[in-house]
N, C-alpha and C. Protein backbone atom coordinates (compact mmCIF):
# COMPACT_ATOMS: atom_id res chain seq x y z
N UNK A 1 -17.09 0.73 8.80
CA UNK A 1 -16.98 -0.48 9.58
C UNK A 1 -16.45 -1.60 8.69
N UNK A 2 -15.66 -2.45 9.26
CA UNK A 2 -15.12 -3.59 8.51
C UNK A 2 -15.51 -4.88 9.22
N UNK A 3 -15.51 -5.96 8.47
CA UNK A 3 -15.77 -7.28 9.03
C UNK A 3 -14.48 -8.08 9.02
N UNK A 4 -14.20 -8.71 10.15
CA UNK A 4 -13.01 -9.54 10.28
C UNK A 4 -13.44 -10.85 10.93
N UNK A 5 -13.08 -11.98 10.33
CA UNK A 5 -13.45 -13.27 10.94
C UNK A 5 -12.93 -13.37 12.37
N UNK A 6 -13.70 -14.05 13.21
CA UNK A 6 -13.37 -14.15 14.63
C UNK A 6 -11.96 -14.70 14.89
N UNK A 7 -11.59 -15.73 14.15
CA UNK A 7 -10.27 -16.33 14.37
C UNK A 7 -9.15 -15.33 14.05
N UNK A 8 -9.32 -14.59 12.97
CA UNK A 8 -8.31 -13.58 12.62
C UNK A 8 -8.30 -12.47 13.66
N UNK A 9 -9.45 -12.09 14.14
CA UNK A 9 -9.54 -11.05 15.16
C UNK A 9 -8.82 -11.48 16.43
N UNK A 10 -8.96 -12.73 16.82
CA UNK A 10 -8.25 -13.24 18.00
C UNK A 10 -6.74 -13.16 17.80
N UNK A 11 -6.29 -13.53 16.61
CA UNK A 11 -4.85 -13.46 16.32
C UNK A 11 -4.35 -12.02 16.33
N UNK A 12 -5.16 -11.10 15.76
CA UNK A 12 -4.79 -9.68 15.77
C UNK A 12 -4.71 -9.15 17.19
N UNK A 13 -5.70 -9.48 18.00
CA UNK A 13 -5.70 -9.01 19.38
C UNK A 13 -4.50 -9.54 20.15
N UNK A 14 -4.18 -10.81 19.94
CA UNK A 14 -3.03 -11.40 20.63
C UNK A 14 -1.74 -10.69 20.24
N UNK A 15 -1.57 -10.45 18.96
CA UNK A 15 -0.35 -9.78 18.49
C UNK A 15 -0.30 -8.34 18.99
N UNK A 16 -1.44 -7.66 18.99
CA UNK A 16 -1.48 -6.28 19.50
C UNK A 16 -1.07 -6.25 20.98
N UNK A 17 -1.58 -7.19 21.75
CA UNK A 17 -1.21 -7.27 23.17
C UNK A 17 0.29 -7.50 23.32
N UNK A 18 0.85 -8.41 22.51
CA UNK A 18 2.29 -8.68 22.57
C UNK A 18 3.10 -7.41 22.30
N UNK A 19 2.57 -6.54 21.46
CA UNK A 19 3.25 -5.30 21.10
C UNK A 19 2.87 -4.13 22.02
N UNK A 20 2.06 -4.43 23.03
CA UNK A 20 1.53 -3.41 23.95
C UNK A 20 0.80 -2.31 23.19
N UNK A 21 -0.02 -2.72 22.22
CA UNK A 21 -0.79 -1.78 21.41
C UNK A 21 -2.27 -2.10 21.52
N UNK A 22 -3.07 -1.12 21.17
CA UNK A 22 -4.49 -1.39 21.03
C UNK A 22 -4.71 -2.06 19.68
N UNK A 23 -5.87 -2.67 19.53
CA UNK A 23 -6.22 -3.27 18.24
C UNK A 23 -6.18 -2.20 17.14
N UNK A 24 -6.81 -1.06 17.43
CA UNK A 24 -6.86 0.02 16.43
C UNK A 24 -5.46 0.51 16.07
N UNK A 25 -4.62 0.71 17.07
CA UNK A 25 -3.26 1.17 16.81
C UNK A 25 -2.47 0.16 16.00
N UNK A 26 -2.65 -1.12 16.33
CA UNK A 26 -1.95 -2.18 15.61
C UNK A 26 -2.39 -2.22 14.15
N UNK A 27 -3.72 -2.17 13.92
CA UNK A 27 -4.23 -2.19 12.55
C UNK A 27 -3.80 -0.95 11.77
N UNK A 28 -3.77 0.19 12.44
CA UNK A 28 -3.33 1.42 11.78
C UNK A 28 -1.88 1.30 11.34
N UNK A 29 -1.04 0.79 12.24
CA UNK A 29 0.38 0.63 11.90
C UNK A 29 0.57 -0.34 10.74
N UNK A 30 -0.18 -1.44 10.74
CA UNK A 30 -0.09 -2.40 9.63
C UNK A 30 -0.54 -1.77 8.32
N UNK A 31 -1.64 -1.02 8.36
CA UNK A 31 -2.15 -0.38 7.15
C UNK A 31 -1.14 0.63 6.61
N UNK A 32 -0.56 1.44 7.49
CA UNK A 32 0.44 2.42 7.06
C UNK A 32 1.65 1.73 6.44
N UNK A 33 2.10 0.65 7.06
CA UNK A 33 3.26 -0.08 6.55
C UNK A 33 2.96 -0.65 5.16
N UNK A 34 1.78 -1.21 4.98
CA UNK A 34 1.40 -1.79 3.69
C UNK A 34 1.28 -0.72 2.62
N UNK A 35 0.69 0.41 2.95
CA UNK A 35 0.54 1.48 1.96
C UNK A 35 1.90 2.07 1.57
N UNK A 36 2.81 2.22 2.54
CA UNK A 36 4.16 2.69 2.23
C UNK A 36 4.89 1.70 1.34
N UNK A 37 4.75 0.40 1.64
CA UNK A 37 5.41 -0.63 0.83
C UNK A 37 4.84 -0.63 -0.59
N UNK A 38 3.54 -0.47 -0.72
CA UNK A 38 2.93 -0.42 -2.05
C UNK A 38 3.43 0.79 -2.82
N UNK A 39 3.57 1.91 -2.15
CA UNK A 39 4.12 3.11 -2.80
C UNK A 39 5.55 2.90 -3.27
N UNK A 40 6.36 2.23 -2.44
CA UNK A 40 7.75 1.93 -2.83
C UNK A 40 7.77 1.01 -4.04
N UNK A 41 6.90 -0.01 -4.03
CA UNK A 41 6.85 -0.93 -5.17
C UNK A 41 6.44 -0.19 -6.44
N UNK A 42 5.48 0.71 -6.32
CA UNK A 42 5.05 1.49 -7.48
C UNK A 42 6.20 2.35 -8.01
N UNK A 43 6.91 3.04 -7.10
CA UNK A 43 8.04 3.88 -7.52
C UNK A 43 9.13 3.04 -8.17
N UNK A 44 9.42 1.86 -7.60
CA UNK A 44 10.44 0.99 -8.18
C UNK A 44 10.04 0.52 -9.58
N UNK A 45 8.76 0.22 -9.76
CA UNK A 45 8.28 -0.21 -11.08
C UNK A 45 8.38 0.92 -12.09
N UNK A 46 8.04 2.13 -11.67
CA UNK A 46 8.17 3.28 -12.57
C UNK A 46 9.63 3.49 -12.94
N UNK A 47 10.52 3.42 -11.97
CA UNK A 47 11.96 3.57 -12.25
C UNK A 47 12.44 2.49 -13.21
N UNK A 48 11.98 1.25 -12.99
CA UNK A 48 12.39 0.16 -13.88
C UNK A 48 11.91 0.43 -15.30
N UNK A 49 10.68 0.87 -15.44
CA UNK A 49 10.15 1.17 -16.78
C UNK A 49 10.88 2.34 -17.42
N UNK A 50 11.18 3.36 -16.63
CA UNK A 50 11.92 4.50 -17.19
C UNK A 50 13.33 4.10 -17.62
N UNK A 51 13.95 3.24 -16.83
CA UNK A 51 15.30 2.76 -17.18
C UNK A 51 15.28 1.95 -18.47
N UNK A 52 14.15 1.30 -18.75
CA UNK A 52 14.06 0.46 -19.94
C UNK A 52 13.86 1.27 -21.22
N UNK A 53 13.47 2.53 -21.06
CA UNK A 53 13.26 3.37 -22.24
C UNK A 53 14.62 3.77 -22.81
N UNK A 54 14.81 3.52 -24.08
CA UNK A 54 16.06 3.89 -24.74
C UNK A 54 16.04 5.36 -25.11
N UNK A 55 17.17 6.03 -25.01
CA UNK A 55 17.21 7.44 -25.39
C UNK A 55 16.89 7.60 -26.89
N UNK A 56 16.25 8.71 -27.21
CA UNK A 56 15.93 8.99 -28.60
C UNK A 56 17.17 9.44 -29.35
N UNK A 57 17.32 8.94 -30.56
CA UNK A 57 18.42 9.38 -31.41
C UNK A 57 17.92 10.56 -32.24
N UNK A 58 18.39 11.74 -31.90
CA UNK A 58 17.95 12.94 -32.62
C UNK A 58 19.07 13.49 -33.49
N UNK A 59 19.94 12.62 -33.92
CA UNK A 59 21.01 13.03 -34.82
C UNK A 59 22.00 13.98 -34.19
N UNK A 60 22.21 13.86 -32.90
CA UNK A 60 23.20 14.71 -32.24
C UNK A 60 22.68 16.10 -31.90
N UNK A 61 21.41 16.37 -32.15
CA UNK A 61 20.82 17.67 -31.86
C UNK A 61 20.01 17.55 -30.57
N UNK A 62 20.09 18.56 -29.72
CA UNK A 62 19.35 18.52 -28.46
C UNK A 62 17.87 18.79 -28.71
N UNK A 63 17.06 18.33 -27.78
CA UNK A 63 15.63 18.56 -27.88
C UNK A 63 15.34 20.06 -27.86
N UNK A 64 16.08 20.81 -27.05
CA UNK A 64 15.88 22.26 -26.99
C UNK A 64 16.16 22.90 -28.34
N UNK A 65 17.19 22.45 -29.02
CA UNK A 65 17.52 22.99 -30.33
C UNK A 65 16.41 22.67 -31.34
N UNK A 66 15.88 21.48 -31.30
CA UNK A 66 14.79 21.11 -32.20
C UNK A 66 13.55 21.98 -31.96
N UNK A 67 13.23 22.23 -30.69
CA UNK A 67 12.08 23.08 -30.37
C UNK A 67 12.34 24.50 -30.88
N UNK A 68 13.53 25.01 -30.64
CA UNK A 68 13.91 26.35 -31.10
C UNK A 68 13.75 26.47 -32.61
N UNK A 69 14.29 25.49 -33.33
CA UNK A 69 14.20 25.52 -34.79
C UNK A 69 12.75 25.46 -35.26
N UNK A 70 11.94 24.66 -34.57
CA UNK A 70 10.53 24.57 -34.94
C UNK A 70 9.81 25.89 -34.72
N UNK A 71 10.09 26.55 -33.61
CA UNK A 71 9.47 27.84 -33.32
C UNK A 71 9.87 28.88 -34.37
N UNK A 72 11.12 28.87 -34.72
CA UNK A 72 11.62 29.87 -35.69
C UNK A 72 11.08 29.62 -37.09
N UNK A 73 10.64 28.41 -37.38
CA UNK A 73 10.16 28.09 -38.73
C UNK A 73 8.73 28.57 -38.95
N UNK A 74 8.05 29.06 -37.95
CA UNK A 74 6.65 29.49 -38.11
C UNK A 74 6.55 30.98 -38.21
């Protein structure tokens, strides 16, 4: 159960009626929209951070080659 101030509840009900929705359906749609937007923002932030990472300089050798050489040295 959640608590919503009466004034906000009246505004929610009015908007739901305008959209021909129930209160529950309206709140569900808003919650889904907000969660999707938050997920997009999170993904965008991760992409931004990944883009900011500079590639490693491994002296022209690939990571696979370095792993191979390390395995062969044991």
